[in-house]
Amino acid sequence: MAEPQKIKIRVCQGTACFVMGASELMEAFENMPKEWNDVLDVAAVPCLNFCNARSEIGSMPYVTVNDVPYAGMTSVKLRAMIKQLVDEAKNPVVVRKAD
């Protein structure tokens, strides 16, 4: 059986995002449950290049989850989002067709 694909999270550490709290976002992962490592692929990246598109996506700091951008992220919002994603990954809903 193939190993499930991990949830890919990238946290922008560019200057503007860093000033707006990106370092706190990485701290959200420091005390996460060890079993979350099975489903998360987390990395700080130098820049996600969303600063010029902020009128379309929102303000810093930026995070991507499976390449979907999220703006104005806080550690509280990020932790809640991750918990939900991990719960869904560990307990997938199986849809069955009726006969």
N, C-alpha and C. Protein backbone atom coordinates (compact mmCIF):
# COMPACT_ATOMS: atom_id res chain seq x y z
N MET A 1 0.84 -1.18 0.00
CA MET A 1 0.00 0.00 0.00
C MET A 1 0.89 1.25 0.00
N ALA A 2 0.55 2.20 -0.86
CA ALA A 2 1.35 3.42 -0.98
C ALA A 2 1.17 4.30 0.25
N GLU A 3 2.25 4.93 0.63
CA GLU A 3 2.20 5.85 1.76
C GLU A 3 1.40 7.08 1.36
N PRO A 4 0.50 7.58 2.23
CA PRO A 4 -0.29 8.75 1.87
C PRO A 4 0.60 9.97 1.65
N GLN A 5 0.16 10.82 0.75
CA GLN A 5 0.92 12.02 0.45
C GLN A 5 0.85 12.99 1.64
N LYS A 6 1.98 13.60 1.96
CA LYS A 6 2.03 14.51 3.09
C LYS A 6 1.41 15.86 2.73
N ILE A 7 0.93 16.56 3.75
CA ILE A 7 0.41 17.90 3.59
C ILE A 7 1.62 18.84 3.55
N LYS A 8 1.78 19.55 2.44
CA LYS A 8 2.95 20.40 2.24
C LYS A 8 2.65 21.82 2.69
N ILE A 9 3.36 22.27 3.73
CA ILE A 9 3.17 23.61 4.28
C ILE A 9 4.46 24.39 4.12
N ARG A 10 4.34 25.58 3.52
CA ARG A 10 5.49 26.45 3.34
C ARG A 10 5.18 27.79 4.01
N VAL A 11 6.10 28.25 4.84
CA VAL A 11 5.93 29.50 5.58
C VAL A 11 6.95 30.50 5.06
N CYS A 12 6.45 31.62 4.53
CA CYS A 12 7.32 32.65 3.99
C CYS A 12 8.12 33.30 5.10
N GLN A 13 9.42 33.45 4.88
CA GLN A 13 10.30 34.12 5.83
C GLN A 13 10.94 35.35 5.21
N GLY A 14 10.32 35.86 4.12
CA GLY A 14 10.81 37.09 3.50
C GLY A 14 10.74 38.23 4.50
N THR A 15 11.41 39.32 4.21
CA THR A 15 11.52 40.43 5.16
C THR A 15 10.15 40.92 5.62
N ALA A 16 9.24 41.20 4.69
CA ALA A 16 7.92 41.73 5.06
C ALA A 16 7.13 40.71 5.89
N CYS A 17 7.15 39.46 5.49
CA CYS A 17 6.43 38.43 6.26
C CYS A 17 7.06 38.24 7.63
N PHE A 18 8.38 38.26 7.68
CA PHE A 18 9.07 38.10 8.96
C PHE A 18 8.68 39.21 9.93
N VAL A 19 8.68 40.45 9.43
CA VAL A 19 8.31 41.60 10.26
C VAL A 19 6.85 41.49 10.73
N MET A 20 6.00 40.90 9.90
CA MET A 20 4.58 40.77 10.22
C MET A 20 4.25 39.52 11.04
N GLY A 21 5.27 38.75 11.47
CA GLY A 21 5.04 37.65 12.39
C GLY A 21 5.30 36.25 11.88
N ALA A 22 5.98 36.10 10.76
CA ALA A 22 6.22 34.76 10.21
C ALA A 22 7.04 33.88 11.15
N SER A 23 7.91 34.48 11.95
CA SER A 23 8.71 33.65 12.88
C SER A 23 7.80 32.97 13.90
N GLU A 24 6.73 33.65 14.30
CA GLU A 24 5.77 33.04 15.23
C GLU A 24 5.05 31.86 14.59
N LEU A 25 4.87 31.92 13.27
CA LEU A 25 4.20 30.81 12.58
C LEU A 25 5.03 29.54 12.67
N MET A 26 6.34 29.67 12.53
CA MET A 26 7.20 28.49 12.64
C MET A 26 7.18 27.95 14.06
N GLU A 27 7.00 28.81 15.05
CA GLU A 27 6.92 28.37 16.44
C GLU A 27 5.68 27.50 16.67
N ALA A 28 4.65 27.66 15.84
CA ALA A 28 3.44 26.85 15.96
C ALA A 28 3.73 25.36 15.76
N PHE A 29 4.84 25.06 15.07
CA PHE A 29 5.19 23.67 14.79
C PHE A 29 6.11 23.07 15.84
N GLU A 30 6.69 23.91 16.70
CA GLU A 30 7.67 23.42 17.66
C GLU A 30 7.10 22.41 18.66
N ASN A 31 5.89 22.63 19.11
CA ASN A 31 5.30 21.74 20.11
C ASN A 31 4.16 20.90 19.56
N MET A 32 4.18 20.68 18.27
CA MET A 32 3.10 19.87 17.69
C MET A 32 3.27 18.41 18.07
N PRO A 33 2.17 17.68 18.13
CA PRO A 33 2.27 16.25 18.45
C PRO A 33 3.17 15.51 17.46
N LYS A 34 3.96 14.59 17.98
CA LYS A 34 4.93 13.85 17.14
C LYS A 34 4.26 13.11 15.99
N GLU A 35 3.03 12.62 16.20
CA GLU A 35 2.36 11.85 15.15
C GLU A 35 1.99 12.73 13.94
N TRP A 36 1.99 14.04 14.12
CA TRP A 36 1.71 14.93 13.00
C TRP A 36 2.84 14.87 11.98
N ASN A 37 4.04 14.50 12.40
CA ASN A 37 5.17 14.38 11.47
C ASN A 37 4.89 13.38 10.37
N ASP A 38 3.99 12.42 10.63
CA ASP A 38 3.66 11.41 9.62
C ASP A 38 2.93 12.01 8.43
N VAL A 39 2.21 13.12 8.65
CA VAL A 39 1.39 13.67 7.57
C VAL A 39 1.77 15.09 7.15
N LEU A 40 2.73 15.70 7.85
CA LEU A 40 3.11 17.07 7.52
C LEU A 40 4.51 17.16 6.93
N ASP A 41 4.65 18.00 5.93
CA ASP A 41 5.94 18.37 5.35
C ASP A 41 6.03 19.89 5.48
N VAL A 42 6.68 20.36 6.53
CA VAL A 42 6.73 21.79 6.86
C VAL A 42 8.12 22.35 6.57
N ALA A 43 8.13 23.54 5.96
CA ALA A 43 9.41 24.19 5.70
C ALA A 43 9.24 25.70 5.68
N ALA A 44 10.24 26.38 6.21
CA ALA A 44 10.33 27.83 6.07
C ALA A 44 11.02 28.08 4.74
N VAL A 45 10.50 29.02 3.97
CA VAL A 45 11.10 29.35 2.67
C VAL A 45 11.50 30.82 2.65
N PRO A 46 12.54 31.15 1.89
CA PRO A 46 13.02 32.54 1.88
C PRO A 46 11.95 33.54 1.46
N CYS A 47 11.12 33.19 0.48
CA CYS A 47 10.06 34.10 0.03
C CYS A 47 9.08 33.32 -0.84
N LEU A 48 7.80 33.60 -0.67
CA LEU A 48 6.77 32.97 -1.51
C LEU A 48 6.35 33.87 -2.67
N ASN A 49 6.90 35.09 -2.71
CA ASN A 49 6.66 36.04 -3.81
C ASN A 49 5.19 36.46 -3.95
N PHE A 50 4.48 36.62 -2.85
CA PHE A 50 3.09 37.08 -2.90
C PHE A 50 2.95 38.56 -2.56
N CYS A 51 4.02 39.22 -2.19
CA CYS A 51 3.94 40.63 -1.78
C CYS A 51 3.31 41.51 -2.84
N ASN A 52 3.65 41.30 -4.10
CA ASN A 52 3.10 42.13 -5.17
C ASN A 52 1.64 41.81 -5.47
N ALA A 53 1.16 40.66 -5.02
CA ALA A 53 -0.23 40.27 -5.27
C ALA A 53 -1.10 40.44 -4.02
N ARG A 54 -0.62 41.17 -3.04
CA ARG A 54 -1.36 41.23 -1.77
C ARG A 54 -2.74 41.82 -1.91
N SER A 55 -2.98 42.69 -2.90
CA SER A 55 -4.33 43.23 -3.09
C SER A 55 -5.30 42.13 -3.51
N GLU A 56 -4.78 41.09 -4.14
CA GLU A 56 -5.62 39.97 -4.58
C GLU A 56 -5.75 38.88 -3.51
N ILE A 57 -4.68 38.65 -2.72
CA ILE A 57 -4.72 37.56 -1.74
C ILE A 57 -4.87 38.04 -0.31
N GLY A 58 -4.40 39.20 0.01
CA GLY A 58 -4.45 39.69 1.38
C GLY A 58 -3.05 40.05 1.86
N SER A 59 -2.95 40.36 3.13
CA SER A 59 -1.67 40.86 3.66
C SER A 59 -0.81 39.76 4.27
N MET A 60 0.41 40.12 4.60
CA MET A 60 1.38 39.20 5.17
C MET A 60 1.01 38.85 6.61
N PRO A 61 1.57 37.79 7.15
CA PRO A 61 2.48 36.83 6.53
C PRO A 61 1.73 35.77 5.70
N TYR A 62 2.47 35.23 4.74
CA TYR A 62 1.90 34.26 3.81
C TYR A 62 2.35 32.84 4.13
N VAL A 63 1.43 31.93 3.85
CA VAL A 63 1.67 30.50 4.02
C VAL A 63 1.02 29.81 2.82
N THR A 64 1.62 28.73 2.35
CA THR A 64 0.92 27.89 1.39
C THR A 64 0.69 26.52 2.02
N VAL A 65 -0.47 25.97 1.73
CA VAL A 65 -0.80 24.61 2.14
C VAL A 65 -1.15 23.87 0.86
N ASN A 66 -0.32 22.89 0.52
CA ASN A 66 -0.46 22.17 -0.74
C ASN A 66 -0.56 23.16 -1.91
N ASP A 67 0.31 24.17 -1.88
CA ASP A 67 0.44 25.19 -2.92
C ASP A 67 -0.73 26.17 -3.00
N VAL A 68 -1.65 26.14 -2.06
CA VAL A 68 -2.75 27.12 -1.99
C VAL A 68 -2.31 28.22 -1.03
N PRO A 69 -2.31 29.50 -1.49
CA PRO A 69 -1.85 30.58 -0.62
C PRO A 69 -2.88 31.01 0.41
N TYR A 70 -2.38 31.35 1.60
CA TYR A 70 -3.19 31.91 2.68
C TYR A 70 -2.48 33.15 3.18
N ALA A 71 -3.24 34.23 3.38
CA ALA A 71 -2.66 35.50 3.79
C ALA A 71 -3.10 35.85 5.21
N GLY A 72 -2.37 36.79 5.82
CA GLY A 72 -2.73 37.27 7.15
C GLY A 72 -2.76 36.16 8.18
N MET A 73 -1.89 35.19 8.03
CA MET A 73 -1.89 34.02 8.90
C MET A 73 -1.34 34.37 10.27
N THR A 74 -1.96 33.78 11.28
CA THR A 74 -1.47 33.88 12.66
C THR A 74 -1.15 32.48 13.14
N SER A 75 -0.39 32.35 14.21
CA SER A 75 -0.06 31.02 14.72
C SER A 75 -1.32 30.30 15.19
N VAL A 76 -2.28 31.03 15.74
CA VAL A 76 -3.53 30.40 16.20
C VAL A 76 -4.32 29.86 15.02
N LYS A 77 -4.47 30.67 13.96
CA LYS A 77 -5.20 30.22 12.76
C LYS A 77 -4.48 29.05 12.10
N LEU A 78 -3.16 29.14 12.01
CA LEU A 78 -2.38 28.09 11.36
C LEU A 78 -2.50 26.77 12.12
N ARG A 79 -2.37 26.84 13.43
CA ARG A 79 -2.47 25.61 14.23
C ARG A 79 -3.86 24.98 14.09
N ALA A 80 -4.91 25.78 14.09
CA ALA A 80 -6.27 25.25 13.92
C ALA A 80 -6.43 24.61 12.54
N MET A 81 -5.90 25.27 11.51
CA MET A 81 -5.99 24.73 10.15
C MET A 81 -5.24 23.41 10.05
N ILE A 82 -4.05 23.37 10.63
CA ILE A 82 -3.24 22.15 10.57
C ILE A 82 -3.92 21.01 11.31
N LYS A 83 -4.48 21.31 12.48
CA LYS A 83 -5.17 20.27 13.25
C LYS A 83 -6.30 19.67 12.42
N GLN A 84 -7.08 20.53 11.77
CA GLN A 84 -8.18 20.04 10.94
C GLN A 84 -7.66 19.20 9.77
N LEU A 85 -6.61 19.67 9.10
CA LEU A 85 -6.05 18.93 7.97
C LEU A 85 -5.48 17.57 8.40
N VAL A 86 -4.80 17.55 9.55
CA VAL A 86 -4.24 16.29 10.06
C VAL A 86 -5.36 15.33 10.42
N ASP A 87 -6.40 15.84 11.09
CA ASP A 87 -7.54 14.99 11.45
C ASP A 87 -8.17 14.39 10.19
N GLU A 88 -8.34 15.21 9.16
CA GLU A 88 -8.92 14.72 7.90
C GLU A 88 -8.00 13.70 7.22
N ALA A 89 -6.70 13.93 7.28
CA ALA A 89 -5.75 13.01 6.65
C ALA A 89 -5.72 11.67 7.38
N LYS A 90 -5.82 11.72 8.71
CA LYS A 90 -5.75 10.48 9.49
C LYS A 90 -7.08 9.74 9.52
N ASN A 91 -8.17 10.45 9.27
CA ASN A 91 -9.51 9.84 9.28
C ASN A 91 -10.27 10.23 8.02
N PRO A 92 -9.81 9.76 6.87
CA PRO A 92 -10.46 10.15 5.62
C PRO A 92 -11.91 9.65 5.55
N VAL A 93 -12.73 10.46 4.94
CA VAL A 93 -14.13 10.08 4.74
C VAL A 93 -14.19 9.22 3.49
N VAL A 94 -14.78 8.06 3.61
CA VAL A 94 -14.92 7.17 2.47
C VAL A 94 -16.33 7.31 1.94
N VAL A 95 -16.43 7.63 0.66
CA VAL A 95 -17.74 7.79 0.03
C VAL A 95 -18.02 6.52 -0.76
N ARG A 96 -19.14 5.93 -0.47
CA ARG A 96 -19.52 4.70 -1.18
C ARG A 96 -20.79 4.96 -1.97
N LYS A 97 -20.84 4.36 -3.14
CA LYS A 97 -22.04 4.48 -3.97
C LYS A 97 -23.08 3.47 -3.51
N ALA A 98 -24.33 3.89 -3.56
CA ALA A 98 -25.41 2.97 -3.22
C ALA A 98 -25.58 1.98 -4.37
N ASP A 99 -25.94 0.77 -4.03
CA ASP A 99 -26.16 -0.25 -5.08
C ASP A 99 -27.42 -0.03 -5.83
